[in-house]
Amino acid sequence: MTRGADVVMQTLAAHGVKNIFALSGNQIMPLFDASLDAGIRLFHTRHEAAAVYMAEGFAQLSRGLGVALVTAGAGLGNALGPLLTARASDSPVLLLSGDSPVGKDGQGAFQEMDQVALTQSLTKWSVRVARAADLAEVIDKAVRLAQQGRPGPVHVSLPADVLLAAAEMATIAPATLVEPTNTSVLRDWLDGAQRPIVVFGPSLNTTRQPGLAARLENATGAPVVVMESPRGLNDPSLGAVAKVFAEADRVLLLGKPLDFTLQFGAAAPKAGWAVVHADPDELSRARRNCAERLTRSLEADPVDVARGLAFGSVADCDSDWLERVHSACALRSDECGKVGINSNSLCEKVHKLIEATPNAVLVCDGGEFGQWAQASVSAPRRIINGVSGAIGGGLCYAMAARAAHPEAAVIALMGDGTAGFHLAEFETAVRENLPFVAVIGNDLRWNAEHQIQLREFGSDRLHGCELSGARYDEMVTALGGFGAYVTDLDDVQGALREAIASGKPACINVIIDGLPAPIA
C-alpha cells in the first residue's frame, strides 16, 4: 500500500529535493520511513529551530528550496522564530509539520491545536491537509509557491492519520514558462537620471545571483547597492553609502521593500523612486511611504527585471558618480580599540585566511561582533542573519553551507552570545559529518545591549548583559569536534589552519576586547 507519507516524500523527490533538515517526533515517523524509499537524506538536528535555519541556509546557498520537517505541538512552536527570518530574507523554505489526527478533531487528541493559526502570519501560505487524496497536489503547490514570486516560507501541516492512509501519486505538471518583463520603460527612466542608484533586496544578493549586480551596473551605469541587513544603509558592509545615497536623484528598488531600512524614503529626500516587487503589499507600502515621489511601480519578478536591465550594450554613464558610490561603500572604520585582540583585528586576521582559502563560504551572525564581521570579512559566497535582526542561526547556516557545498571551507563568525543559541548543534555537525569552523569573538557579554546601556544610561548602569568565560572550545572537543582557545592575536591564523586541517566541526574561542559596531 502507498501511504500518504510515501506520496509526500515521492512528490518532493520528483521536484528534485534530496535533503531534508528534521527533528523526529511521534506524528512524523511515517515520513522518516518514507524518506528511505524516496532517496531523500534526513539531517537530524537537536532543536526544531536549527532544522528550519538549516533549511533557510541551504535554500540561499543552493539557490533552490530548503525543506524542514518537525513534529506537532511544541515541535512546531520551536520552529516559528526562523520562519520570521526566512520571510524577511526572501528564502524559499518548505516547513512540514506533524499534526494530530483529523479523525480525532475536537476530542482533545495528543497535541491537538490550530497549527495553521500559529504560522499563517509568518508564511506565504499555511495549510492543513485533511485528506490523503490531496497530499500530492498540496505538496506540489507548496514547493512552487515557496519559490515563485517573492520567495519565502510555506507551511504544510500533516495529520498523523492522513500520513498513514492509503493514497495515490499524482502527475506533476511541468512549470509553465513566464514571458520576460519588458524593462524598456525602467531603462529609459534610469537613463534620465544624473545620480541614479539601484538597490537589490536579499533575493538578488551576490550569493544567490552571482555577477548580476556587476552586469547591471555595466549595462545601465547606475551603481548597485545590495541591502540585506536590518541596519539598512548603516550596514557596516556598505561603508559610508548613506552619505552619498542622500544625493541620488532616482532610486530603483528591485526586490527591496521601501521600509525602515531606507528611512521610509527619507534616505534620498529629493529622489524619484521606482519599486519592482513580486509582492503587491510591498508596492502598497511604497506608495504610502513615498506618495507622489513614487514615479514607477511594477508588480513583477525583480530577478527577471534585473536580468532584463543587465542585458544590452554598455551604458554611457557618469563614471564619477559610479566611483563615488563605490568608494563610499568601500570606506571602513579605522577604529582599533586597545592593543591586542579586538573585534576589528580578529576579523582582519580571519579575512586574510579566507582570501588564501579556495572555495570559501562565509557566515556572519550576531550583534556588534557580527557587524565587524560583515564590514571586515568577505567571500564569494556569504550568508548573514538577515533583515529580521534575529541572531543565533549562524551555526545552523554553517552546517547548511557544508550540506549544500560538501567541498567548501565554511567559516562562521559570531559573538559569544550568538554561539549559545544552538551550541548543541555541534553534536549534529559531528554526527552528520558537516565540518566547518566557528570563530567566536568572545567579549564575555551581550555587547550590543552593553553598548546601548553604556551609550544611553551611563557606565554606572551597566548590568544584566554579562556572560562568563565559558570554554566553548572544550565543549566542542567533548562533542567530538576540534577546539582551540586563543588569547594572542598572533595565534589566530595558526588555530584556524589547524581547525580546517582537522576535518572536524571546529570552534575557535577567541577572547577579545569587544568594540561597538563600526561606523564609517
Foldseek 3Di string as FASTA:
>chain_A
DQFLLLQLLLLVVVVVAAEAEEADDDLCVLVVVNNVVSNHDYQHFDALCLRLLLQQLLCLQLVAGGEYEFEAAVRLVRNAPVLQLQAQLLGLYEYEYEAAAPVCPPVPGVRHDDSQVSCVVSWPEEEEDNASACSSVVSLVSRDVCPPFRHGYYYYYYYSVRRGDDYDHDDRDDDDDDDFDDQPVVLVVLLPWQQEEEEEENCCDCSNPNPLQVLLCQLRVHHYHYDWAQCACQQLLQAQLLVCQLVTAEYEYQQDAQDVSCPLVNSNVNHQYAYEGQDVVSQVSNCVSQPPSPPYYYNDHSVSNSVVSSDDHGDPHDVVSNVVSVVRRLHFDPDDPDPFFELQLLLQLVQVVQVVFPQEEEEAFAAQSSSSNSNRHDDSHYDYSTNSNDGQNQVSSQLSSCVSPVVYAYEYEYEPVSCPNRLVRLLSCQVVLRAYEYEYAYQQWNVNVQVVCCVPPNPVPDDDTGHDPDQSQVVSVVSPAGGAEDRGSVCSVVSVVVRSVVSGHYYYYYYHNYDGHIHD
